[in-house]
């Protein structure tokens, strides 16, 4: 009887440990290219072929309070596509890094998209993406939870948005951050001051730090801010003051209550995506 009891206890402990490992956990602040997780998806949203992904984290491991649920570097090869699909309670941004593709909105309108182009589908909006060109189509896919969307308002603007690279607007920030140095150069699809209260993704910008310039270490109170390195090399600083060398494909994120900073000690420009999101269901101090 004692042996049976011991076996049952051991099984129970193993089950609890396994459940704990499978449960969502708070993600880290910095993922270098070598730390990304490879995950391929087949025939996404009724599409065709393989969507090759390299993820910092995926939505199945996200916490309820996380605004940004998933960040991945994605590749569609020639002839492959993501089927047109509608978003219910999240927002999905495609940021084109290289190659060309055809982006489709919920009305079936199509655009040829290429490097630097940005797209976003809000709740109630549909989008799809196809690669009809010889070169691989590489893009960032960032998904944010939106529990506060005004679906009635979205009915008046049901189509996903496209922001061509040559139509991004410039806005530069002197001495980026309170303790930063130099100028943070930015080209934006949209900025937080123009965002509505019920939008989860508040800002998307293509940013540049030149040699010797930096974003000073600064905290985030009620939003999440991700830096995704496109080219160059920099030094990322997290909440504990730990410094990590980051380069192309590195993903960093600071959530509510966390701090981060970024500087360029190299010769080459440091170019990165800066995306800010907010979870309307978040209870500060929880």
C-alpha atoms as a PDB file:
ATOM      1  CA  UNK A   1       0.000   0.000   0.000  1.00  0.00           C
ATOM      2  CA  UNK A   2       2.844   2.383   0.890  1.00  0.00           C
ATOM      3  CA  UNK A   3       4.510   1.639  -2.455  1.00  0.00           C
ATOM      4  CA  UNK A   4       1.256   2.397  -4.343  1.00  0.00           C
ATOM      5  CA  UNK A   5       0.826   5.624  -2.381  1.00  0.00           C
ATOM      6  CA  UNK A   6       4.416   6.649  -3.174  1.00  0.00           C
ATOM      7  CA  UNK A   7       3.911   5.967  -6.890  1.00  0.00           C
ATOM      8  CA  UNK A   8       0.692   8.000  -6.929  1.00  0.00           C
ATOM      9  CA  UNK A   9       2.423  10.897  -5.168  1.00  0.00           C
ATOM     10  CA  UNK A  10       5.307  10.790  -7.633  1.00  0.00           C
ATOM     11  CA  UNK A  11       2.864  10.776 -10.547  1.00  0.00           C
ATOM     12  CA  UNK A  12       1.009  13.714  -9.016  1.00  0.00           C
ATOM     13  CA  UNK A  13       4.213  15.704  -8.632  1.00  0.00           C
ATOM     14  CA  UNK A  14       5.214  14.918 -12.211  1.00  0.00           C
ATOM     15  CA  UNK A  15       1.780  16.008 -13.474  1.00  0.00           C
ATOM     16  CA  UNK A  16       1.967  19.268 -11.539  1.00  0.00           C
ATOM     17  CA  UNK A  17       5.484  19.943 -12.813  1.00  0.00           C
ATOM     18  CA  UNK A  18       4.445  19.229 -16.394  1.00  0.00           C
ATOM     19  CA  UNK A  19       1.401  21.485 -16.049  1.00  0.00           C
ATOM     20  CA  UNK A  20       3.577  24.250 -14.651  1.00  0.00           C
ATOM     21  CA  UNK A  21       5.968  23.948 -17.575  1.00  0.00           C
ATOM     22  CA  UNK A  22       3.085  24.115 -20.029  1.00  0.00           C
ATOM     23  CA  UNK A  23       1.466  27.144 -18.380  1.00  0.00           C
ATOM     24  CA  UNK A  24       2.036  30.614 -19.848  1.00  0.00           C
ATOM     25  CA  UNK A  25       4.911  32.473 -18.232  1.00  0.00           C
ATOM     26  CA  UNK A  26       6.175  36.046 -18.323  1.00  0.00           C
ATOM     27  CA  UNK A  27       8.413  36.389 -21.348  1.00  0.00           C
ATOM     28  CA  UNK A  28      11.931  37.776 -21.177  1.00  0.00           C
ATOM     29  CA  UNK A  29      13.019  41.204 -22.326  1.00  0.00           C
ATOM     30  CA  UNK A  30      15.594  40.254 -24.950  1.00  0.00           C
ATOM     31  CA  UNK A  31      15.794  37.503 -27.585  1.00  0.00           C
ATOM     32  CA  UNK A  32      18.832  37.379 -29.855  1.00  0.00           C
ATOM     33  CA  UNK A  33      18.580  35.776 -33.290  1.00  0.00           C
ATOM     34  CA  UNK A  34      20.005  32.524 -31.904  1.00  0.00           C
ATOM     35  CA  UNK A  35      17.273  32.357 -29.241  1.00  0.00           C
ATOM     36  CA  UNK A  36      14.303  32.563 -31.604  1.00  0.00           C
ATOM     37  CA  UNK A  37      12.098  29.465 -31.817  1.00  0.00           C
ATOM     38  CA  UNK A  38      11.529  27.943 -35.260  1.00  0.00           C
ATOM     39  CA  UNK A  39       7.915  27.019 -35.914  1.00  0.00           C
ATOM     40  CA  UNK A  40       6.437  26.301 -39.345  1.00  0.00           C
ATOM     41  CA  UNK A  41       2.720  26.512 -40.088  1.00  0.00           C
ATOM     42  CA  UNK A  42       0.938  24.791 -42.967  1.00  0.00           C
ATOM     43  CA  UNK A  43      -1.786  26.324 -45.145  1.00  0.00           C
ATOM     44  CA  UNK A  44      -2.440  29.240 -42.796  1.00  0.00           C
ATOM     45  CA  UNK A  45      -6.037  30.547 -42.856  1.00  0.00           C
ATOM     46  CA  UNK A  46      -6.855  28.347 -45.821  1.00  0.00           C
ATOM     47  CA  UNK A  47      -3.752  29.477 -47.656  1.00  0.00           C
ATOM     48  CA  UNK A  48      -1.156  27.416 -49.461  1.00  0.00           C
ATOM     49  CA  UNK A  49       2.278  26.108 -48.558  1.00  0.00           C
ATOM     50  CA  UNK A  50       4.431  26.630 -45.477  1.00  0.00           C
ATOM     51  CA  UNK A  51       4.678  29.803 -43.446  1.00  0.00           C
ATOM     52  CA  UNK A  52       8.168  29.601 -41.947  1.00  0.00           C
ATOM     53  CA  UNK A  53       8.416  31.396 -38.609  1.00  0.00           C
ATOM     54  CA  UNK A  54      11.146  32.304 -36.119  1.00  0.00           C
ATOM     55  CA  UNK A  55       9.462  33.508 -32.931  1.00  0.00           C
ATOM     56  CA  UNK A  56      10.496  35.396 -29.824  1.00  0.00           C
ATOM     57  CA  UNK A  57       7.239  34.152 -28.280  1.00  0.00           C
ATOM     58  CA  UNK A  58       3.890  32.858 -29.526  1.00  0.00           C
ATOM     59  CA  UNK A  59       0.310  33.551 -28.506  1.00  0.00           C
ATOM     60  CA  UNK A  60      -0.198  30.135 -26.883  1.00  0.00           C
ATOM     61  CA  UNK A  61       2.415  31.064 -24.258  1.00  0.00           C
ATOM     62  CA  UNK A  62       1.132  34.597 -23.645  1.00  0.00           C
ATOM     63  CA  UNK A  63      -0.240  35.808 -20.332  1.00  0.00           C
ATOM     64  CA  UNK A  64      -3.712  37.321 -20.061  1.00  0.00           C
ATOM     65  CA  UNK A  65      -2.279  40.755 -19.258  1.00  0.00           C
ATOM     66  CA  UNK A  66       0.152  40.760 -22.196  1.00  0.00           C
ATOM     67  CA  UNK A  67      -0.742  43.305 -24.879  1.00  0.00           C
ATOM     68  CA  UNK A  68       1.674  41.922 -27.475  1.00  0.00           C
ATOM     69  CA  UNK A  69       0.842  38.244 -27.811  1.00  0.00           C
ATOM     70  CA  UNK A  70       3.208  37.149 -30.578  1.00  0.00           C
ATOM     71  CA  UNK A  71       6.280  38.377 -32.464  1.00  0.00           C
ATOM     72  CA  UNK A  72       7.711  36.394 -35.359  1.00  0.00           C
ATOM     73  CA  UNK A  73      10.033  36.731 -38.341  1.00  0.00           C
ATOM     74  CA  UNK A  74       8.076  35.093 -41.143  1.00  0.00           C
ATOM     75  CA  UNK A  75       8.950  33.815 -44.629  1.00  0.00           C
ATOM     76  CA  UNK A  76       6.654  33.000 -47.548  1.00  0.00           C
ATOM     77  CA  UNK A  77       8.314  31.403 -50.576  1.00  0.00           C
ATOM     78  CA  UNK A  78       7.220  31.775 -54.181  1.00  0.00           C
ATOM     79  CA  UNK A  79       3.660  30.568 -54.759  1.00  0.00           C
ATOM     80  CA  UNK A  80       2.744  30.415 -51.066  1.00  0.00           C
ATOM     81  CA  UNK A  81       0.142  32.572 -49.352  1.00  0.00           C
ATOM     82  CA  UNK A  82      -1.761  33.297 -46.141  1.00  0.00           C
ATOM     83  CA  UNK A  83      -5.485  33.079 -46.840  1.00  0.00           C
ATOM     84  CA  UNK A  84      -7.693  36.095 -46.251  1.00  0.00           C
ATOM     85  CA  UNK A  85      -8.966  35.916 -42.675  1.00  0.00           C
ATOM     86  CA  UNK A  86     -10.769  38.204 -40.246  1.00  0.00           C
ATOM     87  CA  UNK A  87      -9.579  39.296 -36.798  1.00  0.00           C
ATOM     88  CA  UNK A  88     -12.060  39.247 -33.933  1.00  0.00           C
ATOM     89  CA  UNK A  89     -10.402  40.510 -30.758  1.00  0.00           C
ATOM     90  CA  UNK A  90      -6.795  41.101 -31.776  1.00  0.00           C
ATOM     91  CA  UNK A  91      -4.740  43.251 -34.132  1.00  0.00           C
ATOM     92  CA  UNK A  92      -2.193  41.941 -36.614  1.00  0.00           C
ATOM     93  CA  UNK A  93       0.604  43.963 -38.217  1.00  0.00           C
ATOM     94  CA  UNK A  94       2.712  42.789 -41.173  1.00  0.00           C
ATOM     95  CA  UNK A  95       5.965  44.749 -41.603  1.00  0.00           C
ATOM     96  CA  UNK A  96       7.756  43.875 -44.849  1.00  0.00           C
ATOM     97  CA  UNK A  97      11.516  43.373 -44.514  1.00  0.00           C
ATOM     98  CA  UNK A  98      12.556  42.013 -47.919  1.00  0.00           C
ATOM     99  CA  UNK A  99      11.057  40.645 -51.114  1.00  0.00           C
ATOM    100  CA  UNK A 100       7.676  41.521 -52.572  1.00  0.00           C
ATOM    101  CA  UNK A 101       4.162  40.287 -51.933  1.00  0.00           C
ATOM    102  CA  UNK A 102       0.510  40.980 -52.599  1.00  0.00           C
ATOM    103  CA  UNK A 103      -1.493  42.167 -49.601  1.00  0.00           C
ATOM    104  CA  UNK A 104      -5.292  41.796 -49.739  1.00  0.00           C
ATOM    105  CA  UNK A 105      -7.899  43.483 -47.546  1.00  0.00           C
ATOM    106  CA  UNK A 106     -11.401  42.324 -46.610  1.00  0.00           C
ATOM    107  CA  UNK A 107     -12.929  43.903 -49.692  1.00  0.00           C
ATOM    108  CA  UNK A 108     -10.589  42.018 -51.989  1.00  0.00           C
ATOM    109  CA  UNK A 109      -8.533  45.091 -52.841  1.00  0.00           C
ATOM    110  CA  UNK A 110      -4.880  44.186 -53.440  1.00  0.00           C
ATOM    111  CA  UNK A 111      -1.595  46.063 -53.119  1.00  0.00           C
ATOM    112  CA  UNK A 112       1.922  45.060 -54.090  1.00  0.00           C
ATOM    113  CA  UNK A 113       4.005  45.470 -50.918  1.00  0.00           C
ATOM    114  CA  UNK A 114       7.776  45.548 -50.506  1.00  0.00           C
ATOM    115  CA  UNK A 115      10.573  46.515 -48.083  1.00  0.00           C
ATOM    116  CA  UNK A 116       9.514  49.148 -45.568  1.00  0.00           C
ATOM    117  CA  UNK A 117       5.781  48.804 -46.220  1.00  0.00           C
ATOM    118  CA  UNK A 118       3.573  48.300 -43.153  1.00  0.00           C
ATOM    119  CA  UNK A 119       0.039  46.900 -42.856  1.00  0.00           C
ATOM    120  CA  UNK A 120      -2.377  46.407 -39.986  1.00  0.00           C
ATOM    121  CA  UNK A 121      -5.712  44.646 -39.491  1.00  0.00           C
ATOM    122  CA  UNK A 122      -7.773  45.795 -36.508  1.00  0.00           C
ATOM    123  CA  UNK A 123     -10.643  43.775 -34.931  1.00  0.00           C
ATOM    124  CA  UNK A 124     -13.385  43.114 -37.460  1.00  0.00           C
ATOM    125  CA  UNK A 125     -10.986  43.646 -40.361  1.00  0.00           C
ATOM    126  CA  UNK A 126      -9.626  40.986 -42.717  1.00  0.00           C
ATOM    127  CA  UNK A 127      -6.308  40.574 -44.517  1.00  0.00           C
ATOM    128  CA  UNK A 128      -4.223  38.102 -46.498  1.00  0.00           C
ATOM    129  CA  UNK A 129      -0.726  37.967 -47.974  1.00  0.00           C
ATOM    130  CA  UNK A 130       0.698  36.124 -50.986  1.00  0.00           C
ATOM    131  CA  UNK A 131       4.118  35.747 -52.553  1.00  0.00           C
ATOM    132  CA  UNK A 132       3.777  35.728 -56.329  1.00  0.00           C
ATOM    133  CA  UNK A 133       7.401  36.724 -56.917  1.00  0.00           C
ATOM    134  CA  UNK A 134      10.633  34.683 -57.247  1.00  0.00           C
ATOM    135  CA  UNK A 135      12.331  36.085 -54.123  1.00  0.00           C
ATOM    136  CA  UNK A 136      11.378  34.969 -50.597  1.00  0.00           C
ATOM    137  CA  UNK A 137       8.986  37.365 -48.878  1.00  0.00           C
ATOM    138  CA  UNK A 138      10.281  38.118 -45.360  1.00  0.00           C
ATOM    139  CA  UNK A 139       8.133  40.069 -42.925  1.00  0.00           C
ATOM    140  CA  UNK A 140       7.535  40.678 -39.240  1.00  0.00           C
ATOM    141  CA  UNK A 141       4.204  39.522 -37.834  1.00  0.00           C
ATOM    142  CA  UNK A 142       3.139  41.170 -34.576  1.00  0.00           C
ATOM    143  CA  UNK A 143      -0.143  40.299 -32.875  1.00  0.00           C
ATOM    144  CA  UNK A 144      -1.678  42.344 -30.059  1.00  0.00           C
ATOM    145  CA  UNK A 145      -4.739  41.601 -27.950  1.00  0.00           C
ATOM    146  CA  UNK A 146      -7.586  44.089 -28.200  1.00  0.00           C
ATOM    147  CA  UNK A 147     -10.277  43.576 -25.581  1.00  0.00           C
ATOM    148  CA  UNK A 148     -11.582  47.140 -25.841  1.00  0.00           C
ATOM    149  CA  UNK A 149     -12.280  47.459 -29.555  1.00  0.00           C
ATOM    150  CA  UNK A 150     -15.276  49.504 -30.610  1.00  0.00           C
ATOM    151  CA  UNK A 151     -16.681  47.118 -33.209  1.00  0.00           C
ATOM    152  CA  UNK A 152     -19.457  49.533 -34.161  1.00  0.00           C
ATOM    153  CA  UNK A 153     -16.868  52.164 -35.087  1.00  0.00           C
ATOM    154  CA  UNK A 154     -14.817  49.626 -37.003  1.00  0.00           C
ATOM    155  CA  UNK A 155     -17.856  48.784 -39.142  1.00  0.00           C
ATOM    156  CA  UNK A 156     -17.435  52.250 -40.642  1.00  0.00           C
ATOM    157  CA  UNK A 157     -13.847  51.449 -41.595  1.00  0.00           C
ATOM    158  CA  UNK A 158     -13.838  47.694 -42.278  1.00  0.00           C
ATOM    159  CA  UNK A 159     -10.696  47.471 -44.389  1.00  0.00           C
ATOM    160  CA  UNK A 160      -7.189  46.753 -43.187  1.00  0.00           C
ATOM    161  CA  UNK A 161      -4.713  49.589 -43.685  1.00  0.00           C
ATOM    162  CA  UNK A 162      -1.576  49.748 -45.823  1.00  0.00           C
ATOM    163  CA  UNK A 163       1.241  52.241 -45.160  1.00  0.00           C
ATOM    164  CA  UNK A 164       3.681  52.322 -48.116  1.00  0.00           C
ATOM    165  CA  UNK A 165       7.312  52.997 -47.226  1.00  0.00           C
ATOM    166  CA  UNK A 166       7.407  56.197 -49.275  1.00  0.00           C
ATOM    167  CA  UNK A 167       4.391  57.554 -47.392  1.00  0.00           C
ATOM    168  CA  UNK A 168       5.700  57.051 -43.854  1.00  0.00           C
ATOM    169  CA  UNK A 169       6.049  60.419 -42.137  1.00  0.00           C
ATOM    170  CA  UNK A 170       9.220  61.607 -40.428  1.00  0.00           C
ATOM    171  CA  UNK A 171       9.476  62.678 -36.816  1.00  0.00           C
ATOM    172  CA  UNK A 172      12.822  62.902 -35.053  1.00  0.00           C
ATOM    173  CA  UNK A 173      13.333  62.994 -31.295  1.00  0.00           C
ATOM    174  CA  UNK A 174      16.284  64.904 -29.859  1.00  0.00           C
ATOM    175  CA  UNK A 175      18.174  63.224 -26.995  1.00  0.00           C
ATOM    176  CA  UNK A 176      16.033  60.111 -27.093  1.00  0.00           C
ATOM    177  CA  UNK A 177      14.863  59.352 -23.589  1.00  0.00           C
ATOM    178  CA  UNK A 178      15.733  61.558 -20.603  1.00  0.00           C
ATOM    179  CA  UNK A 179      19.280  60.195 -20.388  1.00  0.00           C
ATOM    180  CA  UNK A 180      19.714  59.493 -24.079  1.00  0.00           C
ATOM    181  CA  UNK A 181      22.300  60.990 -26.395  1.00  0.00           C
ATOM    182  CA  UNK A 182      21.841  62.457 -29.864  1.00  0.00           C
ATOM    183  CA  UNK A 183      18.850  62.045 -32.156  1.00  0.00           C
ATOM    184  CA  UNK A 184      16.423  59.179 -32.658  1.00  0.00           C
ATOM    185  CA  UNK A 185      15.342  59.341 -36.303  1.00  0.00           C
ATOM    186  CA  UNK A 186      11.861  57.978 -36.977  1.00  0.00           C
ATOM    187  CA  UNK A 187       9.591  57.264 -39.938  1.00  0.00           C
ATOM    188  CA  UNK A 188       6.100  56.288 -38.827  1.00  0.00           C
ATOM    189  CA  UNK A 189       2.957  54.615 -40.093  1.00  0.00           C
ATOM    190  CA  UNK A 190       1.143  56.233 -37.153  1.00  0.00           C
ATOM    191  CA  UNK A 191       2.010  57.564 -33.703  1.00  0.00           C
ATOM    192  CA  UNK A 192       0.475  57.166 -30.274  1.00  0.00           C
ATOM    193  CA  UNK A 193      -0.935  60.708 -30.084  1.00  0.00           C
ATOM    194  CA  UNK A 194      -3.165  59.890 -33.070  1.00  0.00           C
ATOM    195  CA  UNK A 195      -4.299  56.515 -31.687  1.00  0.00           C
ATOM    196  CA  UNK A 196      -7.809  56.071 -30.320  1.00  0.00           C
ATOM    197  CA  UNK A 197      -8.475  54.681 -26.855  1.00  0.00           C
ATOM    198  CA  UNK A 198      -9.810  51.399 -28.222  1.00  0.00           C
ATOM    199  CA  UNK A 199      -6.782  50.612 -30.400  1.00  0.00           C
ATOM    200  CA  UNK A 200      -4.258  48.134 -28.981  1.00  0.00           C
ATOM    201  CA  UNK A 201      -1.333  48.915 -31.306  1.00  0.00           C
ATOM    202  CA  UNK A 202      -0.625  52.588 -30.667  1.00  0.00           C
ATOM    203  CA  UNK A 203       2.485  53.257 -32.728  1.00  0.00           C
ATOM    204  CA  UNK A 204       4.662  51.677 -35.433  1.00  0.00           C
ATOM    205  CA  UNK A 205       7.896  53.318 -36.519  1.00  0.00           C
ATOM    206  CA  UNK A 206      11.053  52.533 -38.447  1.00  0.00           C
ATOM    207  CA  UNK A 207      13.796  54.026 -36.284  1.00  0.00           C
ATOM    208  CA  UNK A 208      17.503  54.838 -36.713  1.00  0.00           C
ATOM    209  CA  UNK A 209      20.203  55.454 -34.115  1.00  0.00           C
ATOM    210  CA  UNK A 210      23.463  56.694 -35.575  1.00  0.00           C
ATOM    211  CA  UNK A 211      26.935  56.044 -34.139  1.00  0.00           C
ATOM    212  CA  UNK A 212      27.179  57.231 -30.529  1.00  0.00           C
ATOM    213  CA  UNK A 213      23.456  57.919 -30.145  1.00  0.00           C
ATOM    214  CA  UNK A 214      21.250  56.213 -27.568  1.00  0.00           C
ATOM    215  CA  UNK A 215      17.788  55.829 -26.090  1.00  0.00           C
ATOM    216  CA  UNK A 216      18.235  56.313 -22.359  1.00  0.00           C
ATOM    217  CA  UNK A 217      17.002  53.718 -19.878  1.00  0.00           C
ATOM    218  CA  UNK A 218      13.327  54.535 -19.212  1.00  0.00           C
ATOM    219  CA  UNK A 219      10.338  52.768 -17.611  1.00  0.00           C
ATOM    220  CA  UNK A 220       6.977  51.789 -19.085  1.00  0.00           C
ATOM    221  CA  UNK A 221       3.864  52.233 -16.962  1.00  0.00           C
ATOM    222  CA  UNK A 222       0.845  50.976 -18.884  1.00  0.00           C
ATOM    223  CA  UNK A 223       2.101  49.957 -22.307  1.00  0.00           C
ATOM    224  CA  UNK A 224       4.522  47.564 -23.993  1.00  0.00           C
ATOM    225  CA  UNK A 225       7.356  48.653 -26.249  1.00  0.00           C
ATOM    226  CA  UNK A 226       9.226  46.311 -28.557  1.00  0.00           C
ATOM    227  CA  UNK A 227      12.449  46.987 -30.475  1.00  0.00           C
ATOM    228  CA  UNK A 228      13.109  44.619 -33.377  1.00  0.00           C
ATOM    229  CA  UNK A 229      16.516  45.029 -34.982  1.00  0.00           C
ATOM    230  CA  UNK A 230      16.589  45.208 -38.784  1.00  0.00           C
ATOM    231  CA  UNK A 231      20.245  46.079 -39.408  1.00  0.00           C
ATOM    232  CA  UNK A 232      23.347  47.191 -37.543  1.00  0.00           C
ATOM    233  CA  UNK A 233      24.378  46.275 -34.023  1.00  0.00           C
ATOM    234  CA  UNK A 234      23.554  47.816 -30.678  1.00  0.00           C
ATOM    235  CA  UNK A 235      23.559  47.360 -26.900  1.00  0.00           C
ATOM    236  CA  UNK A 236      20.197  46.674 -25.252  1.00  0.00           C
ATOM    237  CA  UNK A 237      19.794  47.374 -21.508  1.00  0.00           C
ATOM    238  CA  UNK A 238      17.030  45.694 -19.517  1.00  0.00           C
ATOM    239  CA  UNK A 239      15.334  46.514 -16.197  1.00  0.00           C
ATOM    240  CA  UNK A 240      18.143  44.950 -14.171  1.00  0.00           C
ATOM    241  CA  UNK A 241      20.796  46.914 -16.032  1.00  0.00           C
ATOM    242  CA  UNK A 242      21.969  43.842 -17.938  1.00  0.00           C
ATOM    243  CA  UNK A 243      23.468  44.687 -21.319  1.00  0.00           C
ATOM    244  CA  UNK A 244      23.091  42.434 -24.366  1.00  0.00           C
ATOM    245  CA  UNK A 245      24.580  42.841 -27.823  1.00  0.00           C
ATOM    246  CA  UNK A 246      21.711  42.855 -30.321  1.00  0.00           C
ATOM    247  CA  UNK A 247      21.813  42.610 -34.101  1.00  0.00           C
ATOM    248  CA  UNK A 248      19.569  41.687 -37.024  1.00  0.00           C
ATOM    249  CA  UNK A 249      16.525  39.625 -35.957  1.00  0.00           C
ATOM    250  CA  UNK A 250      16.974  40.403 -32.258  1.00  0.00           C
ATOM    251  CA  UNK A 251      13.666  41.110 -30.492  1.00  0.00           C
ATOM    252  CA  UNK A 252      13.371  43.090 -27.258  1.00  0.00           C
ATOM    253  CA  UNK A 253      10.298  44.039 -25.254  1.00  0.00           C
ATOM    254  CA  UNK A 254       9.567  46.059 -22.121  1.00  0.00           C
ATOM    255  CA  UNK A 255       6.177  45.659 -20.474  1.00  0.00           C
ATOM    256  CA  UNK A 256       4.409  47.639 -17.732  1.00  0.00           C
ATOM    257  CA  UNK A 257       6.742  48.076 -14.782  1.00  0.00           C
ATOM    258  CA  UNK A 258       9.815  47.297 -16.874  1.00  0.00           C
ATOM    259  CA  UNK A 259      12.557  49.552 -18.217  1.00  0.00           C
ATOM    260  CA  UNK A 260      14.740  49.383 -21.294  1.00  0.00           C
ATOM    261  CA  UNK A 261      17.332  51.333 -23.251  1.00  0.00           C
ATOM    262  CA  UNK A 262      19.285  51.007 -26.504  1.00  0.00           C
ATOM    263  CA  UNK A 263      22.511  52.514 -27.783  1.00  0.00           C
ATOM    264  CA  UNK A 264      24.667  52.343 -30.883  1.00  0.00           C
ATOM    265  CA  UNK A 265      28.390  51.970 -30.183  1.00  0.00           C
ATOM    266  CA  UNK A 266      29.150  50.760 -33.708  1.00  0.00           C
ATOM    267  CA  UNK A 267      30.090  52.417 -36.961  1.00  0.00           C
ATOM    268  CA  UNK A 268      26.956  51.373 -38.861  1.00  0.00           C
ATOM    269  CA  UNK A 269      23.489  52.881 -38.379  1.00  0.00           C
ATOM    270  CA  UNK A 270      21.293  50.842 -36.022  1.00  0.00           C
ATOM    271  CA  UNK A 271      17.913  50.413 -37.723  1.00  0.00           C
ATOM    272  CA  UNK A 272      14.962  48.875 -35.880  1.00  0.00           C
ATOM    273  CA  UNK A 273      11.186  48.658 -35.676  1.00  0.00           C
ATOM    274  CA  UNK A 274       9.591  50.294 -32.626  1.00  0.00           C
ATOM    275  CA  UNK A 275       6.035  49.123 -31.891  1.00  0.00           C
ATOM    276  CA  UNK A 276       4.004  50.249 -28.882  1.00  0.00           C
ATOM    277  CA  UNK A 277       0.849  48.475 -27.690  1.00  0.00           C
ATOM    278  CA  UNK A 278      -1.492  48.683 -24.714  1.00  0.00           C
ATOM    279  CA  UNK A 279      -3.800  46.108 -23.125  1.00  0.00           C
ATOM    280  CA  UNK A 280      -7.021  47.885 -22.161  1.00  0.00           C
ATOM    281  CA  UNK A 281      -7.862  45.115 -19.694  1.00  0.00           C
ATOM    282  CA  UNK A 282      -4.605  45.591 -17.793  1.00  0.00           C
ATOM    283  CA  UNK A 283      -5.007  46.529 -14.133  1.00  0.00           C
ATOM    284  CA  UNK A 284      -2.011  48.549 -13.042  1.00  0.00           C
ATOM    285  CA  UNK A 285      -0.571  47.342  -9.774  1.00  0.00           C
ATOM    286  CA  UNK A 286      -2.142  43.915 -10.151  1.00  0.00           C
END
